[in-house]
């Protein structure tokens, strides 16, 4: 027997003992309706009450078992749709900006020809211009490097989120299949319920809900990285376009921050973002 099977058996045995003790106490505390003191076992056997308890538990958990995977699938489906469009947008910018990281082959060719001409004519006094006339404007190297770094990071994060979303969908299907498998294999309500508790504990212990939340947070981070890279790329090229873009980004950024902080000031506010929970921790500390 493997360690996981042994741990499962120990858990089920311990839970069975606790519930058995509970039902024993409930049964002993009940007074018999018969004057002769006939035990209640004759009217409601222990096994029957036990099965009724587990059946009630399974009926109560059925709605959540259906809603939880549906919520995972809905969230990850939206993530996949958004990351597909967003990654295509970022890739279009990366393809164009990546060219600025490479040296201009035309400039290098002209410089080599000028050096050959100087060596041929033995004109040591011939000055070779450091910048060629008519050379097109190129953004500073630092701005180009940082903008490309931010865009590449944004693209990688978006693709990683898409991969994690597909994994969540697969894990969600496995979760539903495991629950249905136990319903098919186990005949007693007790065995079904105990296996259901074991599966649910695994999902809660390893934070499936938290993983989905982390993916959403990473998507927001990817958008922020892209916006920062866009501003760095635009300012050296055209300040008017850069300031206009920055104004629009500021409006949406301010709305995002306000939506994230309203829930801290008013707990009934339904607007929450990944920024809400870190700000709530800071607010409580201060």
C-alpha atoms as a PDB file:
ATOM      1  CA  UNK A   1       0.000   0.000   0.000  1.00  0.00           C
ATOM      2  CA  UNK A   2       1.381   3.428  -0.934  1.00  0.00           C
ATOM      3  CA  UNK A   3       1.834   6.277   1.540  1.00  0.00           C
ATOM      4  CA  UNK A   4      -1.059   8.217  -0.005  1.00  0.00           C
ATOM      5  CA  UNK A   5      -3.400   5.225   0.310  1.00  0.00           C
ATOM      6  CA  UNK A   6      -2.267   4.697   3.892  1.00  0.00           C
ATOM      7  CA  UNK A   7      -2.870   8.355   4.722  1.00  0.00           C
ATOM      8  CA  UNK A   8      -6.276   8.170   3.092  1.00  0.00           C
ATOM      9  CA  UNK A   9      -7.213   5.103   5.111  1.00  0.00           C
ATOM     10  CA  UNK A  10      -6.041   6.694   8.359  1.00  0.00           C
ATOM     11  CA  UNK A  11      -7.993   9.856   7.617  1.00  0.00           C
ATOM     12  CA  UNK A  12     -11.188   7.975   6.813  1.00  0.00           C
ATOM     13  CA  UNK A  13     -10.802   5.804   9.907  1.00  0.00           C
ATOM     14  CA  UNK A  14     -10.282   8.803  12.183  1.00  0.00           C
ATOM     15  CA  UNK A  15     -13.219  10.674  10.689  1.00  0.00           C
ATOM     16  CA  UNK A  16     -15.418   7.609  10.997  1.00  0.00           C
ATOM     17  CA  UNK A  17     -14.533   7.280  14.701  1.00  0.00           C
ATOM     18  CA  UNK A  18     -15.316  10.927  15.380  1.00  0.00           C
ATOM     19  CA  UNK A  19     -18.680  10.737  13.655  1.00  0.00           C
ATOM     20  CA  UNK A  20     -19.434   7.414  15.323  1.00  0.00           C
ATOM     21  CA  UNK A  21     -18.786   8.963  18.711  1.00  0.00           C
ATOM     22  CA  UNK A  22     -21.024  11.883  17.786  1.00  0.00           C
ATOM     23  CA  UNK A  23     -23.915   9.628  16.819  1.00  0.00           C
ATOM     24  CA  UNK A  24     -23.413   7.505  19.933  1.00  0.00           C
ATOM     25  CA  UNK A  25     -23.723  10.590  22.113  1.00  0.00           C
ATOM     26  CA  UNK A  26     -26.770  11.809  20.221  1.00  0.00           C
ATOM     27  CA  UNK A  27     -28.399   8.414  20.517  1.00  0.00           C
ATOM     28  CA  UNK A  28     -27.676   8.059  24.229  1.00  0.00           C
ATOM     29  CA  UNK A  29     -28.953  11.570  24.984  1.00  0.00           C
ATOM     30  CA  UNK A  30     -32.341  10.858  23.385  1.00  0.00           C
ATOM     31  CA  UNK A  31     -35.019   9.574  25.735  1.00  0.00           C
ATOM     32  CA  UNK A  32     -37.089   6.627  24.700  1.00  0.00           C
ATOM     33  CA  UNK A  33     -40.752   7.415  24.004  1.00  0.00           C
ATOM     34  CA  UNK A  34     -41.718   4.053  25.503  1.00  0.00           C
ATOM     35  CA  UNK A  35     -42.325   3.875  29.263  1.00  0.00           C
ATOM     36  CA  UNK A  36     -40.458   0.598  29.457  1.00  0.00           C
ATOM     37  CA  UNK A  37     -37.319   2.345  28.246  1.00  0.00           C
ATOM     38  CA  UNK A  38     -37.055   0.496  24.930  1.00  0.00           C
ATOM     39  CA  UNK A  39     -33.929   1.759  23.165  1.00  0.00           C
ATOM     40  CA  UNK A  40     -34.359   3.890  20.082  1.00  0.00           C
ATOM     41  CA  UNK A  41     -32.293   1.430  18.064  1.00  0.00           C
ATOM     42  CA  UNK A  42     -35.452  -0.488  17.301  1.00  0.00           C
ATOM     43  CA  UNK A  43     -37.068   2.515  15.595  1.00  0.00           C
ATOM     44  CA  UNK A  44     -34.051   4.213  14.055  1.00  0.00           C
ATOM     45  CA  UNK A  45     -30.994   2.008  13.723  1.00  0.00           C
ATOM     46  CA  UNK A  46     -27.523   3.469  13.929  1.00  0.00           C
ATOM     47  CA  UNK A  47     -26.644   2.588  10.370  1.00  0.00           C
ATOM     48  CA  UNK A  48     -29.772   4.178   8.985  1.00  0.00           C
ATOM     49  CA  UNK A  49     -29.164   7.487  10.786  1.00  0.00           C
ATOM     50  CA  UNK A  50     -25.545   7.402   9.663  1.00  0.00           C
ATOM     51  CA  UNK A  51     -26.463   6.920   6.010  1.00  0.00           C
ATOM     52  CA  UNK A  52     -29.054   9.677   6.296  1.00  0.00           C
ATOM     53  CA  UNK A  53     -26.407  12.046   7.617  1.00  0.00           C
ATOM     54  CA  UNK A  54     -23.998  11.307   4.759  1.00  0.00           C
ATOM     55  CA  UNK A  55     -26.759  11.544   2.155  1.00  0.00           C
ATOM     56  CA  UNK A  56     -27.690  14.978   3.495  1.00  0.00           C
ATOM     57  CA  UNK A  57     -24.063  16.043   3.273  1.00  0.00           C
ATOM     58  CA  UNK A  58     -23.741  14.895  -0.348  1.00  0.00           C
ATOM     59  CA  UNK A  59     -26.967  16.653  -1.319  1.00  0.00           C
ATOM     60  CA  UNK A  60     -25.765  19.882   0.295  1.00  0.00           C
ATOM     61  CA  UNK A  61     -22.358  19.698  -1.423  1.00  0.00           C
ATOM     62  CA  UNK A  62     -23.727  18.900  -4.885  1.00  0.00           C
ATOM     63  CA  UNK A  63     -24.492  22.516  -5.817  1.00  0.00           C
ATOM     64  CA  UNK A  64     -21.021  23.702  -4.849  1.00  0.00           C
ATOM     65  CA  UNK A  65     -19.413  20.779  -6.673  1.00  0.00           C
ATOM     66  CA  UNK A  66     -21.139  21.949  -9.840  1.00  0.00           C
ATOM     67  CA  UNK A  67     -20.548  25.679  -9.316  1.00  0.00           C
ATOM     68  CA  UNK A  68     -16.858  25.485  -8.452  1.00  0.00           C
ATOM     69  CA  UNK A  69     -15.601  23.863 -11.699  1.00  0.00           C
ATOM     70  CA  UNK A  70     -17.978  26.060 -13.681  1.00  0.00           C
ATOM     71  CA  UNK A  71     -16.394  29.140 -12.101  1.00  0.00           C
ATOM     72  CA  UNK A  72     -12.887  27.848 -12.886  1.00  0.00           C
ATOM     73  CA  UNK A  73     -13.795  27.121 -16.501  1.00  0.00           C
ATOM     74  CA  UNK A  74     -15.485  30.488 -16.967  1.00  0.00           C
ATOM     75  CA  UNK A  75     -12.546  32.439 -15.568  1.00  0.00           C
ATOM     76  CA  UNK A  76      -9.896  30.518 -17.493  1.00  0.00           C
ATOM     77  CA  UNK A  77     -11.924  30.717 -20.702  1.00  0.00           C
ATOM     78  CA  UNK A  78     -12.002  34.506 -20.417  1.00  0.00           C
ATOM     79  CA  UNK A  79      -8.265  34.504 -19.695  1.00  0.00           C
ATOM     80  CA  UNK A  80      -7.526  32.469 -22.817  1.00  0.00           C
ATOM     81  CA  UNK A  81      -9.597  34.804 -24.981  1.00  0.00           C
ATOM     82  CA  UNK A  82      -7.921  37.918 -23.594  1.00  0.00           C
ATOM     83  CA  UNK A  83      -4.382  36.539 -23.686  1.00  0.00           C
ATOM     84  CA  UNK A  84      -4.836  35.508 -27.320  1.00  0.00           C
ATOM     85  CA  UNK A  85      -5.745  39.047 -28.378  1.00  0.00           C
ATOM     86  CA  UNK A  86      -3.257  40.699 -26.039  1.00  0.00           C
ATOM     87  CA  UNK A  87      -0.324  38.487 -27.038  1.00  0.00           C
ATOM     88  CA  UNK A  88      -1.009  39.225 -30.715  1.00  0.00           C
ATOM     89  CA  UNK A  89      -0.951  42.972 -29.977  1.00  0.00           C
ATOM     90  CA  UNK A  90       2.281  42.791 -27.996  1.00  0.00           C
ATOM     91  CA  UNK A  91       3.905  40.598 -30.645  1.00  0.00           C
ATOM     92  CA  UNK A  92       3.130  43.201 -33.324  1.00  0.00           C
ATOM     93  CA  UNK A  93       4.964  45.876 -31.324  1.00  0.00           C
ATOM     94  CA  UNK A  94       7.854  43.546 -30.534  1.00  0.00           C
ATOM     95  CA  UNK A  95       8.363  42.668 -34.201  1.00  0.00           C
ATOM     96  CA  UNK A  96       8.742  46.336 -35.122  1.00  0.00           C
ATOM     97  CA  UNK A  97      10.788  47.457 -32.120  1.00  0.00           C
ATOM     98  CA  UNK A  98      13.108  44.472 -32.281  1.00  0.00           C
ATOM     99  CA  UNK A  99      14.635  45.881 -35.470  1.00  0.00           C
ATOM    100  CA  UNK A 100      15.939  48.879 -33.511  1.00  0.00           C
ATOM    101  CA  UNK A 101      18.066  46.578 -31.377  1.00  0.00           C
ATOM    102  CA  UNK A 102      20.051  45.463 -34.406  1.00  0.00           C
ATOM    103  CA  UNK A 103      22.829  47.650 -35.895  1.00  0.00           C
ATOM    104  CA  UNK A 104      21.996  49.406 -39.155  1.00  0.00           C
ATOM    105  CA  UNK A 105      23.761  47.447 -41.896  1.00  0.00           C
ATOM    106  CA  UNK A 106      23.560  50.418 -44.283  1.00  0.00           C
ATOM    107  CA  UNK A 107      25.481  52.676 -41.904  1.00  0.00           C
ATOM    108  CA  UNK A 108      28.135  50.027 -41.435  1.00  0.00           C
ATOM    109  CA  UNK A 109      28.534  49.595 -45.201  1.00  0.00           C
ATOM    110  CA  UNK A 110      28.984  53.334 -45.785  1.00  0.00           C
ATOM    111  CA  UNK A 111      31.517  53.546 -42.965  1.00  0.00           C
ATOM    112  CA  UNK A 112      33.571  50.667 -44.393  1.00  0.00           C
ATOM    113  CA  UNK A 113      33.526  52.195 -47.891  1.00  0.00           C
ATOM    114  CA  UNK A 114      34.697  55.528 -46.475  1.00  0.00           C
ATOM    115  CA  UNK A 115      37.595  53.826 -44.726  1.00  0.00           C
ATOM    116  CA  UNK A 116      38.548  51.976 -47.923  1.00  0.00           C
ATOM    117  CA  UNK A 117      38.423  55.212 -49.882  1.00  0.00           C
ATOM    118  CA  UNK A 118      40.660  56.920 -47.345  1.00  0.00           C
ATOM    119  CA  UNK A 119      43.166  54.068 -47.461  1.00  0.00           C
ATOM    120  CA  UNK A 120      43.168  54.001 -51.278  1.00  0.00           C
ATOM    121  CA  UNK A 121      43.743  57.712 -51.773  1.00  0.00           C
ATOM    122  CA  UNK A 122      46.121  57.815 -48.824  1.00  0.00           C
ATOM    123  CA  UNK A 123      44.159  60.784 -47.562  1.00  0.00           C
ATOM    124  CA  UNK A 124      44.849  60.631 -43.887  1.00  0.00           C
ATOM    125  CA  UNK A 125      43.282  64.027 -43.402  1.00  0.00           C
ATOM    126  CA  UNK A 126      39.945  62.841 -44.766  1.00  0.00           C
ATOM    127  CA  UNK A 127      37.391  63.091 -41.979  1.00  0.00           C
ATOM    128  CA  UNK A 128      34.863  60.339 -41.694  1.00  0.00           C
ATOM    129  CA  UNK A 129      31.559  61.658 -40.421  1.00  0.00           C
ATOM    130  CA  UNK A 130      30.360  60.043 -37.238  1.00  0.00           C
ATOM    131  CA  UNK A 131      26.735  60.490 -38.268  1.00  0.00           C
ATOM    132  CA  UNK A 132      25.495  60.192 -41.802  1.00  0.00           C
ATOM    133  CA  UNK A 133      23.340  62.892 -43.381  1.00  0.00           C
ATOM    134  CA  UNK A 134      19.766  61.974 -43.919  1.00  0.00           C
ATOM    135  CA  UNK A 135      20.002  59.281 -41.302  1.00  0.00           C
ATOM    136  CA  UNK A 136      16.575  58.475 -39.951  1.00  0.00           C
ATOM    137  CA  UNK A 137      15.819  59.174 -36.310  1.00  0.00           C
ATOM    138  CA  UNK A 138      16.485  56.361 -33.910  1.00  0.00           C
ATOM    139  CA  UNK A 139      15.425  56.286 -30.286  1.00  0.00           C
ATOM    140  CA  UNK A 140      18.146  56.249 -27.641  1.00  0.00           C
ATOM    141  CA  UNK A 141      19.591  52.853 -26.999  1.00  0.00           C
ATOM    142  CA  UNK A 142      18.529  52.834 -23.349  1.00  0.00           C
ATOM    143  CA  UNK A 143      14.900  53.610 -24.155  1.00  0.00           C
ATOM    144  CA  UNK A 144      14.793  50.963 -26.868  1.00  0.00           C
ATOM    145  CA  UNK A 145      16.392  48.357 -24.640  1.00  0.00           C
ATOM    146  CA  UNK A 146      14.071  48.979 -21.700  1.00  0.00           C
ATOM    147  CA  UNK A 147      10.950  49.145 -23.874  1.00  0.00           C
ATOM    148  CA  UNK A 148      11.806  45.877 -25.583  1.00  0.00           C
ATOM    149  CA  UNK A 149      12.635  44.237 -22.261  1.00  0.00           C
ATOM    150  CA  UNK A 150       9.252  45.248 -20.841  1.00  0.00           C
ATOM    151  CA  UNK A 151       7.398  44.076 -23.946  1.00  0.00           C
ATOM    152  CA  UNK A 152       9.177  40.737 -24.056  1.00  0.00           C
ATOM    153  CA  UNK A 153       8.436  40.226 -20.354  1.00  0.00           C
ATOM    154  CA  UNK A 154       4.800  41.156 -20.966  1.00  0.00           C
ATOM    155  CA  UNK A 155       4.568  38.682 -23.835  1.00  0.00           C
ATOM    156  CA  UNK A 156       6.161  35.865 -21.819  1.00  0.00           C
ATOM    157  CA  UNK A 157       3.866  36.495 -18.838  1.00  0.00           C
ATOM    158  CA  UNK A 158       0.787  36.500 -21.093  1.00  0.00           C
ATOM    159  CA  UNK A 159       1.804  33.211 -22.720  1.00  0.00           C
ATOM    160  CA  UNK A 160       2.521  31.682 -19.299  1.00  0.00           C
ATOM    161  CA  UNK A 161      -0.953  32.733 -18.135  1.00  0.00           C
ATOM    162  CA  UNK A 162      -2.503  31.074 -21.173  1.00  0.00           C
ATOM    163  CA  UNK A 163      -0.631  27.858 -20.402  1.00  0.00           C
ATOM    164  CA  UNK A 164      -1.678  27.956 -16.745  1.00  0.00           C
ATOM    165  CA  UNK A 165      -5.285  28.577 -17.788  1.00  0.00           C
ATOM    166  CA  UNK A 166      -5.296  25.426 -19.917  1.00  0.00           C
ATOM    167  CA  UNK A 167      -3.832  23.485 -16.986  1.00  0.00           C
ATOM    168  CA  UNK A 168      -6.561  24.793 -14.679  1.00  0.00           C
ATOM    169  CA  UNK A 169      -9.199  23.620 -17.147  1.00  0.00           C
ATOM    170  CA  UNK A 170      -7.615  20.171 -17.216  1.00  0.00           C
ATOM    171  CA  UNK A 171      -7.427  20.026 -13.419  1.00  0.00           C
ATOM    172  CA  UNK A 172     -11.048  21.126 -13.221  1.00  0.00           C
ATOM    173  CA  UNK A 173     -12.107  18.248 -15.463  1.00  0.00           C
ATOM    174  CA  UNK A 174     -10.028  15.853 -13.354  1.00  0.00           C
ATOM    175  CA  UNK A 175     -11.743  17.150 -10.218  1.00  0.00           C
ATOM    176  CA  UNK A 176     -15.207  16.534 -11.657  1.00  0.00           C
ATOM    177  CA  UNK A 177     -14.167  13.119 -12.946  1.00  0.00           C
ATOM    178  CA  UNK A 178     -12.790  12.090  -9.548  1.00  0.00           C
ATOM    179  CA  UNK A 179     -16.020  13.068  -7.814  1.00  0.00           C
ATOM    180  CA  UNK A 180     -18.155  11.187 -10.326  1.00  0.00           C
ATOM    181  CA  UNK A 181     -15.832   8.187 -10.170  1.00  0.00           C
ATOM    182  CA  UNK A 182     -16.402   7.891  -6.436  1.00  0.00           C
ATOM    183  CA  UNK A 183     -20.165   8.086  -6.940  1.00  0.00           C
ATOM    184  CA  UNK A 184     -19.940   5.241  -9.446  1.00  0.00           C
ATOM    185  CA  UNK A 185     -17.591   2.939  -7.534  1.00  0.00           C
ATOM    186  CA  UNK A 186     -18.849   3.428  -3.980  1.00  0.00           C
ATOM    187  CA  UNK A 187     -22.288   2.145  -3.133  1.00  0.00           C
ATOM    188  CA  UNK A 188     -22.709   3.477   0.424  1.00  0.00           C
ATOM    189  CA  UNK A 189     -23.338   7.142   1.142  1.00  0.00           C
ATOM    190  CA  UNK A 190     -20.685   7.073   3.839  1.00  0.00           C
ATOM    191  CA  UNK A 191     -17.947   5.917   1.488  1.00  0.00           C
ATOM    192  CA  UNK A 192     -18.959   8.483  -1.124  1.00  0.00           C
ATOM    193  CA  UNK A 193     -19.008  11.292   1.409  1.00  0.00           C
ATOM    194  CA  UNK A 194     -15.652  10.413   2.961  1.00  0.00           C
ATOM    195  CA  UNK A 195     -13.993  10.267  -0.444  1.00  0.00           C
ATOM    196  CA  UNK A 196     -15.671  13.548  -1.336  1.00  0.00           C
ATOM    197  CA  UNK A 197     -14.223  15.160   1.797  1.00  0.00           C
ATOM    198  CA  UNK A 198     -10.788  13.774   0.948  1.00  0.00           C
ATOM    199  CA  UNK A 199     -10.884  15.180  -2.608  1.00  0.00           C
ATOM    200  CA  UNK A 200     -12.164  18.548  -1.425  1.00  0.00           C
ATOM    201  CA  UNK A 201      -9.438  18.772   1.206  1.00  0.00           C
ATOM    202  CA  UNK A 202      -6.808  18.211  -1.479  1.00  0.00           C
ATOM    203  CA  UNK A 203      -8.236  20.992  -3.641  1.00  0.00           C
ATOM    204  CA  UNK A 204      -8.327  23.379  -0.688  1.00  0.00           C
ATOM    205  CA  UNK A 205      -4.897  22.375   0.606  1.00  0.00           C
ATOM    206  CA  UNK A 206      -3.179  23.062  -2.714  1.00  0.00           C
ATOM    207  CA  UNK A 207      -5.128  26.260  -3.396  1.00  0.00           C
ATOM    208  CA  UNK A 208      -6.871  25.750  -6.725  1.00  0.00           C
ATOM    209  CA  UNK A 209      -8.905  28.917  -6.181  1.00  0.00           C
ATOM    210  CA  UNK A 210      -5.749  30.852  -5.308  1.00  0.00           C
ATOM    211  CA  UNK A 211      -4.011  29.642  -8.480  1.00  0.00           C
ATOM    212  CA  UNK A 212      -6.830  31.058 -10.615  1.00  0.00           C
ATOM    213  CA  UNK A 213      -6.550  34.348  -8.726  1.00  0.00           C
ATOM    214  CA  UNK A 214      -2.783  34.429  -9.299  1.00  0.00           C
ATOM    215  CA  UNK A 215      -3.302  33.967 -13.049  1.00  0.00           C
ATOM    216  CA  UNK A 216      -5.670  36.949 -13.140  1.00  0.00           C
ATOM    217  CA  UNK A 217      -3.097  39.001 -11.218  1.00  0.00           C
ATOM    218  CA  UNK A 218      -0.370  38.065 -13.692  1.00  0.00           C
ATOM    219  CA  UNK A 219      -2.579  39.149 -16.591  1.00  0.00           C
ATOM    220  CA  UNK A 220      -2.936  42.575 -14.991  1.00  0.00           C
ATOM    221  CA  UNK A 221       0.822  42.711 -14.472  1.00  0.00           C
ATOM    222  CA  UNK A 222       1.368  41.881 -18.137  1.00  0.00           C
ATOM    223  CA  UNK A 223      -0.832  44.806 -19.206  1.00  0.00           C
ATOM    224  CA  UNK A 224       1.051  47.167 -16.877  1.00  0.00           C
ATOM    225  CA  UNK A 225       4.396  46.060 -18.328  1.00  0.00           C
ATOM    226  CA  UNK A 226       3.137  46.659 -21.855  1.00  0.00           C
ATOM    227  CA  UNK A 227       1.836  50.140 -20.981  1.00  0.00           C
ATOM    228  CA  UNK A 228       5.139  51.117 -19.351  1.00  0.00           C
ATOM    229  CA  UNK A 229       7.101  49.901 -22.366  1.00  0.00           C
ATOM    230  CA  UNK A 230       4.778  51.783 -24.706  1.00  0.00           C
ATOM    231  CA  UNK A 231       5.435  55.087 -22.938  1.00  0.00           C
ATOM    232  CA  UNK A 232       9.193  54.528 -22.935  1.00  0.00           C
ATOM    233  CA  UNK A 233       9.076  53.786 -26.641  1.00  0.00           C
ATOM    234  CA  UNK A 234       6.926  56.802 -27.567  1.00  0.00           C
ATOM    235  CA  UNK A 235       8.614  59.608 -25.601  1.00  0.00           C
ATOM    236  CA  UNK A 236      11.879  59.648 -27.633  1.00  0.00           C
ATOM    237  CA  UNK A 237       9.928  59.364 -30.885  1.00  0.00           C
ATOM    238  CA  UNK A 238       7.150  61.924 -30.476  1.00  0.00           C
ATOM    239  CA  UNK A 239       6.382  63.711 -27.230  1.00  0.00           C
ATOM    240  CA  UNK A 240       2.880  64.791 -28.309  1.00  0.00           C
ATOM    241  CA  UNK A 241       1.807  61.223 -28.999  1.00  0.00           C
ATOM    242  CA  UNK A 242       3.494  60.068 -25.804  1.00  0.00           C
ATOM    243  CA  UNK A 243       1.735  62.639 -23.615  1.00  0.00           C
ATOM    244  CA  UNK A 244      -1.636  61.863 -25.203  1.00  0.00           C
ATOM    245  CA  UNK A 245      -1.144  58.163 -24.595  1.00  0.00           C
ATOM    246  CA  UNK A 246       0.007  58.836 -21.058  1.00  0.00           C
ATOM    247  CA  UNK A 247      -3.127  60.892 -20.342  1.00  0.00           C
ATOM    248  CA  UNK A 248      -5.390  58.051 -21.462  1.00  0.00           C
ATOM    249  CA  UNK A 249      -3.389  55.518 -19.464  1.00  0.00           C
ATOM    250  CA  UNK A 250      -3.536  57.787 -16.415  1.00  0.00           C
ATOM    251  CA  UNK A 251      -7.342  57.940 -16.560  1.00  0.00           C
ATOM    252  CA  UNK A 252      -7.689  54.172 -16.761  1.00  0.00           C
ATOM    253  CA  UNK A 253      -4.972  53.667 -14.157  1.00  0.00           C
ATOM    254  CA  UNK A 254      -6.692  56.039 -11.738  1.00  0.00           C
ATOM    255  CA  UNK A 255     -10.010  54.253 -12.255  1.00  0.00           C
ATOM    256  CA  UNK A 256      -8.248  50.935 -11.610  1.00  0.00           C
ATOM    257  CA  UNK A 257      -6.731  52.184  -8.345  1.00  0.00           C
ATOM    258  CA  UNK A 258     -10.046  53.679  -7.189  1.00  0.00           C
ATOM    259  CA  UNK A 259     -11.860  50.423  -7.936  1.00  0.00           C
ATOM    260  CA  UNK A 260      -9.230  48.551  -5.953  1.00  0.00           C
ATOM    261  CA  UNK A 261      -9.451  50.817  -2.904  1.00  0.00           C
ATOM    262  CA  UNK A 262     -13.225  51.294  -2.653  1.00  0.00           C
ATOM    263  CA  UNK A 263     -13.710  47.789  -1.276  1.00  0.00           C
ATOM    264  CA  UNK A 264     -11.285  48.623   1.556  1.00  0.00           C
ATOM    265  CA  UNK A 265     -13.258  51.679   2.622  1.00  0.00           C
ATOM    266  CA  UNK A 266     -16.659  50.081   2.046  1.00  0.00           C
ATOM    267  CA  UNK A 267     -16.870  46.300   2.402  1.00  0.00           C
ATOM    268  CA  UNK A 268     -20.198  46.215   0.554  1.00  0.00           C
ATOM    269  CA  UNK A 269     -18.517  47.503  -2.627  1.00  0.00           C
ATOM    270  CA  UNK A 270     -18.391  44.736  -5.252  1.00  0.00           C
ATOM    271  CA  UNK A 271     -15.411  46.249  -7.097  1.00  0.00           C
ATOM    272  CA  UNK A 272     -12.252  44.323  -6.319  1.00  0.00           C
ATOM    273  CA  UNK A 273      -8.985  43.993  -8.176  1.00  0.00           C
ATOM    274  CA  UNK A 274      -5.738  42.141  -7.437  1.00  0.00           C
ATOM    275  CA  UNK A 275      -4.599  45.442  -5.930  1.00  0.00           C
ATOM    276  CA  UNK A 276      -7.337  45.329  -3.285  1.00  0.00           C
ATOM    277  CA  UNK A 277      -5.869  42.652  -1.036  1.00  0.00           C
ATOM    278  CA  UNK A 278      -2.305  44.048  -0.741  1.00  0.00           C
ATOM    279  CA  UNK A 279      -3.740  47.505  -0.064  1.00  0.00           C
ATOM    280  CA  UNK A 280      -6.064  46.042   2.564  1.00  0.00           C
ATOM    281  CA  UNK A 281      -3.091  44.517   4.386  1.00  0.00           C
ATOM    282  CA  UNK A 282      -1.212  47.836   4.287  1.00  0.00           C
ATOM    283  CA  UNK A 283      -4.339  49.668   5.465  1.00  0.00           C
ATOM    284  CA  UNK A 284      -4.717  47.374   8.479  1.00  0.00           C
ATOM    285  CA  UNK A 285      -1.041  47.738   9.390  1.00  0.00           C
ATOM    286  CA  UNK A 286      -1.203  51.522   9.253  1.00  0.00           C
END
